[in-house]
Amino acid sequence: MRRVSITVFALGLMAGEASAIPRRDISNMTCEQINAQLRKDGKALLISPAGQVKNLRKWDIYVSDRAICAGLETRVKRRIRSTTGTCYVSQCVENGQSLRR
């Protein structure tokens, strides 16, 4: 019974941490607005349309600076679309994970 309560407690902590990340729909935002929002939030889940397929969304977590990344993670620049064209934002990736995307 103790093992079950520890597992439930750990899962609750993970769910609480995941729900704490702000979600931002960037489909109508400029690059400047996206980066300002990341600076304000520190870390956010950015949601945008996925190409030409109607109602299909893509998302990922992006950060404002290296300090947000965990110990063994590296900050890399990613290209995303904004209303003003290509926008560069930062993302934390595990060392050894592919830096190309």
C-alpha atoms as a PDB file:
ATOM      1  CA  MET A   1       0.000   0.000   0.000  1.00  0.00           C
ATOM      2  CA  ARG A   2       2.864   2.360   0.762  1.00  0.00           C
ATOM      3  CA  ARG A   3       4.363   1.819  -2.699  1.00  0.00           C
ATOM      4  CA  VAL A   4       1.032   2.767  -4.300  1.00  0.00           C
ATOM      5  CA  SER A   5       0.788   6.017  -2.297  1.00  0.00           C
ATOM      6  CA  ILE A   6       4.363   6.973  -3.203  1.00  0.00           C
ATOM      7  CA  THR A   7       3.628   6.331  -6.883  1.00  0.00           C
ATOM      8  CA  VAL A   8       0.415   8.383  -6.754  1.00  0.00           C
ATOM      9  CA  PHE A   9       2.264  11.222  -4.990  1.00  0.00           C
ATOM     10  CA  ALA A  10       5.054  11.208  -7.612  1.00  0.00           C
ATOM     11  CA  LEU A  11       2.552  11.217 -10.477  1.00  0.00           C
ATOM     12  CA  GLY A  12       0.735  14.124  -8.843  1.00  0.00           C
ATOM     13  CA  LEU A  13       3.966  16.115  -8.678  1.00  0.00           C
ATOM     14  CA  MET A  14       4.679  15.483 -12.364  1.00  0.00           C
ATOM     15  CA  ALA A  15       1.152  16.456 -13.382  1.00  0.00           C
ATOM     16  CA  GLY A  16       1.361  19.638 -11.331  1.00  0.00           C
ATOM     17  CA  GLU A  17       4.668  20.600 -12.920  1.00  0.00           C
ATOM     18  CA  ALA A  18       3.381  19.949 -16.450  1.00  0.00           C
ATOM     19  CA  SER A  19       0.208  21.961 -15.918  1.00  0.00           C
ATOM     20  CA  ALA A  20       2.262  24.912 -14.648  1.00  0.00           C
ATOM     21  CA  ILE A  21       3.709  25.571 -18.108  1.00  0.00           C
ATOM     22  CA  PRO A  22       1.763  28.358 -19.844  1.00  0.00           C
ATOM     23  CA  ARG A  23       0.205  27.439 -23.188  1.00  0.00           C
ATOM     24  CA  ARG A  24       0.330  30.111 -25.890  1.00  0.00           C
ATOM     25  CA  ASP A  25      -1.392  30.057 -29.277  1.00  0.00           C
ATOM     26  CA  ILE A  26       1.099  31.843 -31.536  1.00  0.00           C
ATOM     27  CA  SER A  27      -0.857  31.601 -34.790  1.00  0.00           C
ATOM     28  CA  ASN A  28      -1.545  35.373 -34.783  1.00  0.00           C
ATOM     29  CA  MET A  29       1.619  36.606 -33.072  1.00  0.00           C
ATOM     30  CA  THR A  30       4.629  38.431 -34.483  1.00  0.00           C
ATOM     31  CA  CYS A  31       8.140  37.237 -33.718  1.00  0.00           C
ATOM     32  CA  GLU A  32       8.590  40.141 -31.303  1.00  0.00           C
ATOM     33  CA  GLN A  33       5.398  39.175 -29.452  1.00  0.00           C
ATOM     34  CA  ILE A  34       6.452  35.522 -29.232  1.00  0.00           C
ATOM     35  CA  ASN A  35       9.874  36.378 -27.784  1.00  0.00           C
ATOM     36  CA  ALA A  36       8.371  38.947 -25.385  1.00  0.00           C
ATOM     37  CA  GLN A  37       5.944  36.297 -24.140  1.00  0.00           C
ATOM     38  CA  LEU A  38       8.793  33.809 -23.631  1.00  0.00           C
ATOM     39  CA  ARG A  39      10.782  36.416 -21.679  1.00  0.00           C
ATOM     40  CA  LYS A  40       7.709  37.028 -19.497  1.00  0.00           C
ATOM     41  CA  ASP A  41       6.896  33.327 -18.937  1.00  0.00           C
ATOM     42  CA  GLY A  42      10.447  31.938 -18.925  1.00  0.00           C
ATOM     43  CA  LYS A  43       9.114  28.693 -20.428  1.00  0.00           C
ATOM     44  CA  ALA A  44       5.986  28.112 -22.506  1.00  0.00           C
ATOM     45  CA  LEU A  45       4.259  25.557 -24.665  1.00  0.00           C
ATOM     46  CA  LEU A  46       3.826  27.284 -28.033  1.00  0.00           C
ATOM     47  CA  ILE A  47       0.959  26.066 -30.216  1.00  0.00           C
ATOM     48  CA  SER A  48       0.693  26.874 -33.930  1.00  0.00           C
ATOM     49  CA  PRO A  49      -1.000  25.617 -37.111  1.00  0.00           C
ATOM     50  CA  ALA A  50       0.760  22.646 -38.710  1.00  0.00           C
ATOM     51  CA  GLY A  51       1.107  23.614 -42.341  1.00  0.00           C
ATOM     52  CA  GLN A  52      -1.801  23.394 -44.751  1.00  0.00           C
ATOM     53  CA  VAL A  53      -3.889  20.798 -42.887  1.00  0.00           C
ATOM     54  CA  LYS A  54      -6.953  22.461 -41.367  1.00  0.00           C
ATOM     55  CA  ASN A  55      -7.359  22.074 -37.581  1.00  0.00           C
ATOM     56  CA  LEU A  56      -4.023  20.280 -37.213  1.00  0.00           C
ATOM     57  CA  ARG A  57      -1.835  21.874 -34.536  1.00  0.00           C
ATOM     58  CA  LYS A  58       1.805  21.430 -33.638  1.00  0.00           C
ATOM     59  CA  TRP A  59       3.356  22.324 -30.340  1.00  0.00           C
ATOM     60  CA  ASP A  60       6.568  22.222 -28.355  1.00  0.00           C
ATOM     61  CA  ILE A  61       8.087  23.746 -25.238  1.00  0.00           C
ATOM     62  CA  TYR A  62      10.417  26.717 -25.688  1.00  0.00           C
ATOM     63  CA  VAL A  63      12.426  28.752 -23.173  1.00  0.00           C
ATOM     64  CA  SER A  64      13.679  32.297 -22.746  1.00  0.00           C
ATOM     65  CA  ASP A  65      17.267  31.490 -21.719  1.00  0.00           C
ATOM     66  CA  ARG A  66      19.792  28.780 -20.762  1.00  0.00           C
ATOM     67  CA  ALA A  67      19.030  29.086 -17.044  1.00  0.00           C
ATOM     68  CA  ILE A  68      15.663  27.378 -17.633  1.00  0.00           C
ATOM     69  CA  CYS A  69      17.308  24.216 -18.997  1.00  0.00           C
ATOM     70  CA  ALA A  70      18.003  21.307 -16.628  1.00  0.00           C
ATOM     71  CA  GLY A  71      21.558  20.316 -15.721  1.00  0.00           C
ATOM     72  CA  LEU A  72      22.395  18.046 -18.654  1.00  0.00           C
ATOM     73  CA  GLU A  73      20.359  19.921 -21.249  1.00  0.00           C
ATOM     74  CA  THR A  74      21.691  22.269 -23.902  1.00  0.00           C
ATOM     75  CA  ARG A  75      19.881  25.291 -25.300  1.00  0.00           C
ATOM     76  CA  VAL A  76      19.489  25.300 -29.083  1.00  0.00           C
ATOM     77  CA  LYS A  77      17.869  27.740 -31.471  1.00  0.00           C
ATOM     78  CA  ARG A  78      14.802  26.600 -33.414  1.00  0.00           C
ATOM     79  CA  ARG A  79      12.938  28.193 -36.311  1.00  0.00           C
ATOM     80  CA  ILE A  80       9.200  28.621 -35.981  1.00  0.00           C
ATOM     81  CA  ARG A  81       6.653  30.529 -38.057  1.00  0.00           C
ATOM     82  CA  SER A  82       5.202  33.841 -36.941  1.00  0.00           C
ATOM     83  CA  THR A  83       2.970  36.353 -38.693  1.00  0.00           C
ATOM     84  CA  THR A  84       6.122  38.288 -39.635  1.00  0.00           C
ATOM     85  CA  GLY A  85       7.948  35.259 -41.066  1.00  0.00           C
ATOM     86  CA  THR A  86      10.622  33.037 -39.577  1.00  0.00           C
ATOM     87  CA  CYS A  87      11.227  33.477 -35.864  1.00  0.00           C
ATOM     88  CA  TYR A  88      14.109  32.058 -33.835  1.00  0.00           C
ATOM     89  CA  VAL A  89      13.374  30.785 -30.335  1.00  0.00           C
ATOM     90  CA  SER A  90      15.297  28.656 -27.830  1.00  0.00           C
ATOM     91  CA  GLN A  91      14.590  25.102 -26.777  1.00  0.00           C
ATOM     92  CA  CYS A  92      16.246  22.803 -24.237  1.00  0.00           C
ATOM     93  CA  VAL A  93      17.410  19.420 -25.546  1.00  0.00           C
ATOM     94  CA  GLU A  94      19.164  16.569 -23.798  1.00  0.00           C
ATOM     95  CA  ASN A  95      22.861  16.265 -24.546  1.00  0.00           C
ATOM     96  CA  GLY A  96      23.374  13.609 -27.178  1.00  0.00           C
ATOM     97  CA  GLN A  97      19.925  14.203 -28.672  1.00  0.00           C
ATOM     98  CA  SER A  98      19.875  15.312 -32.279  1.00  0.00           C
ATOM     99  CA  LEU A  99      20.294  19.067 -32.523  1.00  0.00           C
ATOM    100  CA  ARG A 100      18.880  19.129 -36.048  1.00  0.00           C
ATOM    101  CA  ARG A 101      15.186  19.310 -36.677  1.00  0.00           C
END
